[in-house]
């Protein structure tokens, strides 16, 4: 199998897994902690802003290749097995993510609010360490 074909298969699997996370987030059986971590992982995965900008050679892409899969792994451990099973089954029949799907105004506001919340929390921590 060619390298390009394997990469396409893995990218499709990642898209299905992210779709399953969106569906699991919406499921009322999902605990609060799993929802919170899922929201952070999805916001980071779909956000145009990165911890390390992509223009920095190697490091810019490494943060995406390390942080997103680690975040997904954490969410998968927090989700109840039945919620994850149902979300994966639904993701196979009803994909939500894709190249044609846009984030939308509310999605962009949610991502911006999440980043502002993280920055405010970091500023609060910094101020309490200094004072």
Protein backbone atom coordinates (compact mmCIF):
# COMPACT_ATOMS: atom_id res chain seq x y z
CA UNK A 1 0.00 0.00 0.00
CA UNK A 2 1.32 3.44 -0.87
CA UNK A 3 2.22 6.01 1.73
CA UNK A 4 -0.37 8.46 0.38
CA UNK A 5 -3.13 5.86 0.65
CA UNK A 6 -2.15 5.03 4.24
CA UNK A 7 -2.10 8.73 5.18
CA UNK A 8 -5.53 9.23 3.64
CA UNK A 9 -6.87 6.25 5.58
CA UNK A 10 -5.45 7.61 8.83
CA UNK A 11 -6.81 11.09 8.12
CA UNK A 12 -10.26 9.61 7.48
CA UNK A 13 -10.02 7.63 10.74
CA UNK A 14 -9.05 10.80 12.64
CA UNK A 15 -12.00 12.67 11.09
CA UNK A 16 -14.36 9.85 12.16
CA UNK A 17 -12.91 9.89 15.68
CA UNK A 18 -13.33 13.68 15.95
CA UNK A 19 -16.90 13.32 14.68
CA UNK A 20 -17.51 10.66 17.33
CA UNK A 21 -16.16 13.06 19.97
CA UNK A 22 -18.59 15.75 18.81
CA UNK A 23 -21.46 13.27 19.04
CA UNK A 24 -20.30 12.02 22.46
CA UNK A 25 -20.08 15.62 23.69
CA UNK A 26 -23.73 16.13 22.73
CA UNK A 27 -24.84 12.92 24.44
CA UNK A 28 -26.62 13.60 27.77
CA UNK A 29 -24.98 10.50 29.31
CA UNK A 30 -21.52 12.11 29.01
CA UNK A 31 -20.15 13.26 32.40
CA UNK A 32 -19.19 16.90 32.93
CA UNK A 33 -15.43 16.24 33.11
CA UNK A 34 -15.50 14.36 29.80
CA UNK A 35 -17.50 17.19 28.22
CA UNK A 36 -15.05 19.82 29.45
CA UNK A 37 -11.99 17.95 28.16
CA UNK A 38 -13.78 17.13 24.89
CA UNK A 39 -14.59 20.80 24.37
CA UNK A 40 -10.94 21.77 24.92
CA UNK A 41 -9.62 19.06 22.58
CA UNK A 42 -12.10 19.90 19.82
CA UNK A 43 -11.46 23.63 20.18
CA UNK A 44 -7.72 23.04 19.89
CA UNK A 45 -8.11 20.60 16.98
CA UNK A 46 -10.34 22.93 14.95
CA UNK A 47 -8.81 26.22 16.07
CA UNK A 48 -6.63 28.16 13.66
CA UNK A 49 -4.61 29.23 16.71
CA UNK A 50 -1.95 26.85 18.00
CA UNK A 51 0.16 26.69 21.12
CA UNK A 52 3.21 26.75 18.83
CA UNK A 53 2.48 28.44 15.46
CA UNK A 54 2.76 26.19 12.40
CA UNK A 55 5.21 28.62 10.75
CA UNK A 56 7.92 27.48 13.18
CA UNK A 57 9.60 24.57 11.38
CA UNK A 58 9.04 21.11 12.86
CA UNK A 59 7.87 22.33 16.31
CA UNK A 60 4.79 24.01 14.81
CA UNK A 61 3.51 20.71 13.46
CA UNK A 62 4.76 18.58 16.33
CA UNK A 63 2.39 20.19 18.83
CA UNK A 64 -0.57 19.16 16.64
CA UNK A 65 0.81 15.67 16.15
CA UNK A 66 1.32 15.21 19.90
CA UNK A 67 -1.31 17.30 21.70
CA UNK A 68 -4.38 16.40 19.63
CA UNK A 69 -3.87 12.59 19.82
CA UNK A 70 -3.05 12.86 23.55
CA UNK A 71 -6.19 14.90 24.10
CA UNK A 72 -8.27 12.40 22.15
CA UNK A 73 -6.77 9.55 24.18
CA UNK A 74 -7.67 11.35 27.43
CA UNK A 75 -11.25 11.96 26.28
CA UNK A 76 -11.60 8.32 25.23
CA UNK A 77 -10.60 7.24 28.75
CA UNK A 78 -13.12 9.65 30.34
CA UNK A 79 -16.09 8.66 28.19
CA UNK A 80 -18.39 5.85 29.34
CA UNK A 81 -17.93 2.84 27.00
CA UNK A 82 -21.57 2.80 25.89
CA UNK A 83 -21.48 6.50 24.94
CA UNK A 84 -18.28 5.99 22.95
CA UNK A 85 -19.67 2.90 21.20
CA UNK A 86 -22.88 4.71 20.20
CA UNK A 87 -20.98 7.83 19.07
CA UNK A 88 -18.58 5.80 16.90
CA UNK A 89 -21.49 3.94 15.31
CA UNK A 90 -23.26 7.23 14.57
CA UNK A 91 -20.05 8.77 13.19
CA UNK A 92 -19.77 5.95 10.64
CA UNK A 93 -23.28 6.62 9.31
CA UNK A 94 -23.52 10.38 9.77
CA UNK A 95 -20.19 12.23 9.48
CA UNK A 96 -20.21 15.80 10.80
CA UNK A 97 -16.70 16.87 9.91
CA UNK A 98 -15.27 17.36 6.48
CA UNK A 99 -13.56 19.80 4.18
CA UNK A 100 -16.85 21.41 3.18
CA UNK A 101 -18.11 22.01 6.70
CA UNK A 102 -17.46 25.47 8.11
CA UNK A 103 -17.04 26.36 11.73
CA UNK A 104 -19.66 29.12 11.57
CA UNK A 105 -20.04 32.30 13.58
CA UNK A 106 -21.09 30.60 16.84
CA UNK A 107 -18.32 28.04 16.54
CA UNK A 108 -15.75 30.77 15.99
CA UNK A 109 -17.09 32.63 19.03
CA UNK A 110 -16.87 29.46 21.12
CA UNK A 111 -13.24 28.89 20.08
CA UNK A 112 -12.37 32.53 20.80
CA UNK A 113 -14.13 32.35 24.18
CA UNK A 114 -12.25 29.16 25.07
CA UNK A 115 -8.90 30.75 24.22
CA UNK A 116 -9.79 33.92 26.16
CA UNK A 117 -10.78 31.77 29.12
CA UNK A 118 -7.46 29.92 29.03
CA UNK A 119 -5.55 33.21 28.76
CA UNK A 120 -7.53 34.73 31.65
CA UNK A 121 -6.85 31.65 33.79
CA UNK A 122 -3.12 31.81 32.99
CA UNK A 123 -3.07 35.53 33.81
CA UNK A 124 -4.85 34.86 37.11
CA UNK A 125 -2.32 32.14 37.98
CA UNK A 126 0.57 34.42 37.09
CA UNK A 127 -0.78 37.33 39.14
CA UNK A 128 -1.32 35.12 42.19
CA UNK A 129 2.21 33.73 41.92
CA UNK A 130 3.78 37.18 41.71
CA UNK A 131 1.69 38.94 44.38
